[in-house]
Amino acid sequence: MDNIDTGSPFEYEETATGGRYFMTMPNGEQSRLTFLRAGEGQIIANHTFVPPPYRGDGIAEAMVERLFADARAKGLKITPTCWFVADEFKRHSPKWDDVRA
C-alpha cells in the first residue's frame, strides 16, 4: 500500500507483512495504528494506541480516517480486529461500508 498524501500529521511505514501510521507525541511516546496484509487487496487493522495523556483528543480517530482514505484510494478492503477500528466502522456506516472486508 503506497503512502497517500492526505495532509495528515501521521507518518507511514510499510513492511513486507504490514505497516503502521504513527506520530511522535510531545512527551516522546508514539501514537500508532498498525495493520497486517491479509492477501491481495486486503489488510487487517489490528491495533491502535494513543498514550494516556493524549487520549480524547481525536488522534486515534484521525489515524483511522487516514487508514480508510488510503485504503479507499488504493482499492483495499479492511478487516478490523482492533476494537477501536471496528467501532469506527460502525460509527461511520454506511459511509465506510465499501472499504469493509
N, C-alpha and C. Protein backbone atom coordinates (compact mmCIF):
# COMPACT_ATOMS: atom_id res chain seq x y z
N MET A 1 0.85 -1.17 0.00
CA MET A 1 0.00 0.00 0.00
C MET A 1 0.90 1.22 0.00
N ASP A 2 0.94 1.93 -1.09
CA ASP A 2 1.74 3.14 -1.15
C ASP A 2 1.12 4.21 -0.26
N ASN A 3 1.98 5.06 0.30
CA ASN A 3 1.51 6.16 1.11
C ASN A 3 0.77 7.17 0.25
N ILE A 4 -0.41 7.58 0.70
CA ILE A 4 -1.20 8.60 0.02
C ILE A 4 -1.06 9.87 0.84
N ASP A 5 -0.75 10.98 0.22
CA ASP A 5 -0.61 12.24 0.95
C ASP A 5 -1.98 12.87 1.15
N THR A 6 -2.49 12.76 2.37
CA THR A 6 -3.78 13.34 2.69
C THR A 6 -3.62 14.60 3.53
N GLY A 7 -2.39 15.05 3.70
CA GLY A 7 -2.15 16.22 4.52
C GLY A 7 -2.24 15.94 6.01
N SER A 8 -2.26 14.68 6.40
CA SER A 8 -2.38 14.35 7.82
C SER A 8 -1.01 14.47 8.49
N PRO A 9 -1.02 14.60 9.82
CA PRO A 9 0.25 14.73 10.55
C PRO A 9 0.94 13.40 10.80
N PHE A 10 0.38 12.30 10.31
CA PHE A 10 0.92 10.99 10.62
C PHE A 10 1.96 10.54 9.62
N GLU A 11 2.99 9.89 10.15
CA GLU A 11 3.97 9.26 9.28
C GLU A 11 3.46 7.86 8.95
N TYR A 12 4.06 7.29 7.92
CA TYR A 12 3.61 5.99 7.44
C TYR A 12 4.84 5.13 7.18
N GLU A 13 4.79 3.89 7.65
CA GLU A 13 5.84 2.91 7.39
C GLU A 13 5.19 1.64 6.89
N GLU A 14 5.85 1.00 5.95
CA GLU A 14 5.32 -0.25 5.41
C GLU A 14 6.40 -1.31 5.45
N THR A 15 5.99 -2.54 5.76
CA THR A 15 6.90 -3.68 5.74
C THR A 15 6.32 -4.72 4.79
N ALA A 16 7.00 -5.82 4.64
CA ALA A 16 6.50 -6.89 3.77
C ALA A 16 5.22 -7.51 4.31
N THR A 17 5.01 -7.44 5.63
CA THR A 17 3.85 -8.09 6.24
C THR A 17 2.76 -7.13 6.69
N GLY A 18 3.01 -5.84 6.65
CA GLY A 18 2.01 -4.87 7.12
C GLY A 18 2.55 -3.46 7.12
N GLY A 19 2.11 -2.71 8.10
CA GLY A 19 2.57 -1.33 8.19
C GLY A 19 1.96 -0.63 9.38
N ARG A 20 2.23 0.67 9.45
CA ARG A 20 1.70 1.45 10.55
C ARG A 20 1.65 2.93 10.19
N TYR A 21 0.71 3.59 10.83
CA TYR A 21 0.64 5.04 10.86
C TYR A 21 1.06 5.43 12.26
N PHE A 22 1.84 6.50 12.38
CA PHE A 22 2.30 6.87 13.72
C PHE A 22 2.63 8.35 13.78
N MET A 23 2.66 8.84 15.01
CA MET A 23 3.03 10.22 15.27
C MET A 23 3.70 10.27 16.63
N THR A 24 4.86 10.92 16.70
CA THR A 24 5.54 11.08 17.98
C THR A 24 4.90 12.25 18.72
N MET A 25 4.49 11.97 19.93
CA MET A 25 3.81 12.95 20.76
C MET A 25 4.83 13.84 21.46
N PRO A 26 4.41 14.99 22.01
CA PRO A 26 5.35 15.90 22.69
C PRO A 26 6.14 15.25 23.82
N ASN A 27 5.59 14.22 24.47
CA ASN A 27 6.33 13.56 25.55
C ASN A 27 7.28 12.47 25.05
N GLY A 28 7.37 12.29 23.71
CA GLY A 28 8.27 11.31 23.13
C GLY A 28 7.65 9.96 22.83
N GLU A 29 6.48 9.67 23.39
CA GLU A 29 5.79 8.41 23.08
C GLU A 29 5.14 8.51 21.71
N GLN A 30 4.78 7.35 21.16
CA GLN A 30 4.16 7.34 19.83
C GLN A 30 2.71 6.90 19.89
N SER A 31 1.88 7.60 19.15
CA SER A 31 0.53 7.13 18.84
C SER A 31 0.69 6.31 17.57
N ARG A 32 -0.08 5.21 17.46
CA ARG A 32 0.11 4.37 16.28
C ARG A 32 -1.15 3.56 15.97
N LEU A 33 -1.26 3.22 14.71
CA LEU A 33 -2.27 2.29 14.21
C LEU A 33 -1.51 1.31 13.33
N THR A 34 -1.64 0.02 13.60
CA THR A 34 -0.90 -0.98 12.82
C THR A 34 -1.86 -1.85 12.03
N PHE A 35 -1.35 -2.39 10.93
CA PHE A 35 -2.15 -3.30 10.11
C PHE A 35 -1.26 -4.40 9.55
N LEU A 36 -1.90 -5.51 9.20
CA LEU A 36 -1.24 -6.66 8.59
C LEU A 36 -1.81 -6.88 7.20
N ARG A 37 -1.01 -7.38 6.30
CA ARG A 37 -1.50 -7.76 4.98
C ARG A 37 -2.23 -9.11 5.11
N ALA A 38 -3.35 -9.22 4.42
CA ALA A 38 -4.15 -10.45 4.51
C ALA A 38 -4.44 -10.99 3.13
N GLY A 39 -3.51 -10.84 2.22
CA GLY A 39 -3.72 -11.29 0.86
C GLY A 39 -3.89 -10.11 -0.08
N GLU A 40 -4.11 -10.42 -1.31
CA GLU A 40 -4.24 -9.40 -2.35
C GLU A 40 -5.45 -8.51 -2.08
N GLY A 41 -5.21 -7.24 -1.91
CA GLY A 41 -6.30 -6.28 -1.78
C GLY A 41 -6.97 -6.22 -0.43
N GLN A 42 -6.35 -6.83 0.60
CA GLN A 42 -6.98 -6.82 1.91
C GLN A 42 -5.94 -6.61 3.01
N ILE A 43 -6.32 -5.83 4.03
CA ILE A 43 -5.48 -5.62 5.20
C ILE A 43 -6.32 -5.85 6.46
N ILE A 44 -5.63 -6.13 7.54
CA ILE A 44 -6.26 -6.31 8.85
C ILE A 44 -5.76 -5.20 9.76
N ALA A 45 -6.66 -4.33 10.18
CA ALA A 45 -6.32 -3.27 11.13
C ALA A 45 -6.36 -3.91 12.52
N ASN A 46 -5.18 -4.11 13.11
CA ASN A 46 -5.12 -4.94 14.31
C ASN A 46 -4.79 -4.22 15.60
N HIS A 47 -4.42 -2.94 15.56
CA HIS A 47 -4.04 -2.29 16.83
C HIS A 47 -4.01 -0.78 16.67
N THR A 48 -4.56 -0.10 17.67
CA THR A 48 -4.36 1.35 17.79
C THR A 48 -3.91 1.63 19.21
N PHE A 49 -3.08 2.66 19.35
CA PHE A 49 -2.62 3.07 20.67
C PHE A 49 -2.36 4.57 20.66
N VAL A 50 -2.86 5.24 21.69
CA VAL A 50 -2.56 6.65 21.94
C VAL A 50 -2.13 6.73 23.40
N PRO A 51 -0.98 7.34 23.70
CA PRO A 51 -0.54 7.45 25.08
C PRO A 51 -1.62 8.14 25.95
N PRO A 52 -1.79 7.68 27.18
CA PRO A 52 -2.85 8.21 28.04
C PRO A 52 -2.98 9.74 28.10
N PRO A 53 -1.88 10.50 28.17
CA PRO A 53 -2.08 11.95 28.28
C PRO A 53 -2.75 12.59 27.05
N TYR A 54 -2.80 11.86 25.93
CA TYR A 54 -3.31 12.42 24.69
C TYR A 54 -4.63 11.78 24.24
N ARG A 55 -5.16 10.89 25.05
CA ARG A 55 -6.43 10.26 24.70
C ARG A 55 -7.56 11.27 24.81
N GLY A 56 -8.54 11.11 23.94
CA GLY A 56 -9.68 12.01 23.93
C GLY A 56 -9.48 13.24 23.07
N ASP A 57 -8.32 13.34 22.41
CA ASP A 57 -8.02 14.49 21.55
C ASP A 57 -8.30 14.22 20.08
N GLY A 58 -8.87 13.07 19.75
CA GLY A 58 -9.21 12.76 18.37
C GLY A 58 -8.07 12.17 17.55
N ILE A 59 -6.98 11.81 18.21
CA ILE A 59 -5.80 11.29 17.49
C ILE A 59 -6.09 9.92 16.89
N ALA A 60 -6.66 9.01 17.67
CA ALA A 60 -6.96 7.67 17.15
C ALA A 60 -7.96 7.75 16.01
N GLU A 61 -8.97 8.59 16.16
CA GLU A 61 -9.97 8.75 15.10
C GLU A 61 -9.31 9.25 13.82
N ALA A 62 -8.40 10.19 13.95
CA ALA A 62 -7.72 10.73 12.77
C ALA A 62 -6.85 9.68 12.08
N MET A 63 -6.21 8.81 12.87
CA MET A 63 -5.42 7.74 12.26
C MET A 63 -6.31 6.77 11.49
N VAL A 64 -7.46 6.43 12.07
CA VAL A 64 -8.38 5.52 11.38
C VAL A 64 -8.90 6.18 10.10
N GLU A 65 -9.22 7.46 10.16
CA GLU A 65 -9.68 8.16 8.96
C GLU A 65 -8.61 8.14 7.87
N ARG A 66 -7.37 8.30 8.25
CA ARG A 66 -6.26 8.25 7.28
C ARG A 66 -6.15 6.85 6.67
N LEU A 67 -6.24 5.82 7.52
CA LEU A 67 -6.21 4.44 7.04
C LEU A 67 -7.32 4.21 6.02
N PHE A 68 -8.54 4.65 6.33
CA PHE A 68 -9.67 4.45 5.43
C PHE A 68 -9.48 5.21 4.13
N ALA A 69 -9.01 6.43 4.20
CA ALA A 69 -8.79 7.22 2.98
C ALA A 69 -7.75 6.55 2.10
N ASP A 70 -6.66 6.08 2.69
CA ASP A 70 -5.62 5.42 1.91
C ASP A 70 -6.13 4.11 1.31
N ALA A 71 -6.86 3.32 2.10
CA ALA A 71 -7.39 2.05 1.61
C ALA A 71 -8.37 2.29 0.46
N ARG A 72 -9.23 3.25 0.61
CA ARG A 72 -10.19 3.55 -0.46
C ARG A 72 -9.46 3.98 -1.73
N ALA A 73 -8.46 4.83 -1.60
CA ALA A 73 -7.71 5.32 -2.76
C ALA A 73 -6.99 4.19 -3.49
N LYS A 74 -6.61 3.15 -2.75
CA LYS A 74 -5.88 2.03 -3.34
C LYS A 74 -6.77 0.83 -3.65
N GLY A 75 -8.06 0.94 -3.37
CA GLY A 75 -8.96 -0.17 -3.65
C GLY A 75 -8.80 -1.35 -2.70
N LEU A 76 -8.36 -1.08 -1.47
CA LEU A 76 -8.16 -2.14 -0.48
C LEU A 76 -9.39 -2.30 0.41
N LYS A 77 -9.56 -3.49 0.95
CA LYS A 77 -10.60 -3.78 1.93
C LYS A 77 -9.93 -3.96 3.29
N ILE A 78 -10.64 -3.55 4.34
CA ILE A 78 -10.11 -3.60 5.70
C ILE A 78 -10.95 -4.55 6.54
N THR A 79 -10.27 -5.45 7.25
CA THR A 79 -10.89 -6.26 8.28
C THR A 79 -10.43 -5.69 9.62
N PRO A 80 -11.34 -5.20 10.44
CA PRO A 80 -10.92 -4.65 11.73
C PRO A 80 -10.91 -5.72 12.82
N THR A 81 -9.74 -6.02 13.37
CA THR A 81 -9.68 -6.89 14.54
C THR A 81 -9.42 -6.06 15.79
N CYS A 82 -9.04 -4.82 15.61
CA CYS A 82 -8.89 -3.87 16.72
C CYS A 82 -10.28 -3.34 17.06
N TRP A 83 -10.65 -3.38 18.33
CA TRP A 83 -11.99 -2.95 18.75
C TRP A 83 -12.26 -1.50 18.36
N PHE A 84 -11.24 -0.64 18.45
CA PHE A 84 -11.46 0.77 18.16
C PHE A 84 -11.78 0.97 16.67
N VAL A 85 -11.04 0.30 15.81
CA VAL A 85 -11.29 0.42 14.37
C VAL A 85 -12.68 -0.14 14.04
N ALA A 86 -13.05 -1.26 14.68
CA ALA A 86 -14.38 -1.84 14.47
C ALA A 86 -15.47 -0.85 14.89
N ASP A 87 -15.27 -0.18 16.02
CA ASP A 87 -16.24 0.81 16.48
C ASP A 87 -16.35 1.99 15.52
N GLU A 88 -15.22 2.41 14.94
CA GLU A 88 -15.24 3.50 13.97
C GLU A 88 -15.99 3.07 12.70
N PHE A 89 -15.84 1.82 12.30
CA PHE A 89 -16.61 1.29 11.16
C PHE A 89 -18.10 1.45 11.43
N LYS A 90 -18.53 1.03 12.62
CA LYS A 90 -19.95 1.12 12.97
C LYS A 90 -20.41 2.58 12.98
N ARG A 91 -19.59 3.43 13.55
CA ARG A 91 -19.95 4.85 13.68
C ARG A 91 -20.08 5.52 12.31
N HIS A 92 -19.28 5.10 11.35
CA HIS A 92 -19.28 5.73 10.03
C HIS A 92 -20.08 4.95 8.98
N SER A 93 -20.78 3.90 9.42
CA SER A 93 -21.61 3.15 8.48
C SER A 93 -22.84 3.98 8.12
N PRO A 94 -23.26 3.98 6.91
CA PRO A 94 -22.82 3.17 5.77
C PRO A 94 -21.73 3.84 4.93
N LYS A 95 -21.27 5.01 5.33
CA LYS A 95 -20.31 5.77 4.53
C LYS A 95 -19.03 4.98 4.26
N TRP A 96 -18.60 4.14 5.19
CA TRP A 96 -17.35 3.39 5.03
C TRP A 96 -17.57 1.94 4.65
N ASP A 97 -18.78 1.52 4.44
CA ASP A 97 -19.06 0.10 4.18
C ASP A 97 -18.35 -0.43 2.94
N ASP A 98 -18.07 0.43 1.97
CA ASP A 98 -17.39 -0.02 0.76
C ASP A 98 -15.96 -0.48 1.00
N VAL A 99 -15.39 -0.10 2.14
CA VAL A 99 -13.99 -0.43 2.45
C VAL A 99 -13.91 -1.64 3.38
N ARG A 100 -15.02 -2.03 3.97
CA ARG A 100 -15.01 -3.15 4.91
C ARG A 100 -14.95 -4.49 4.19
N ALA A 101 -14.05 -5.36 4.65
CA ALA A 101 -13.89 -6.69 4.05
C ALA A 101 -15.03 -7.59 4.48
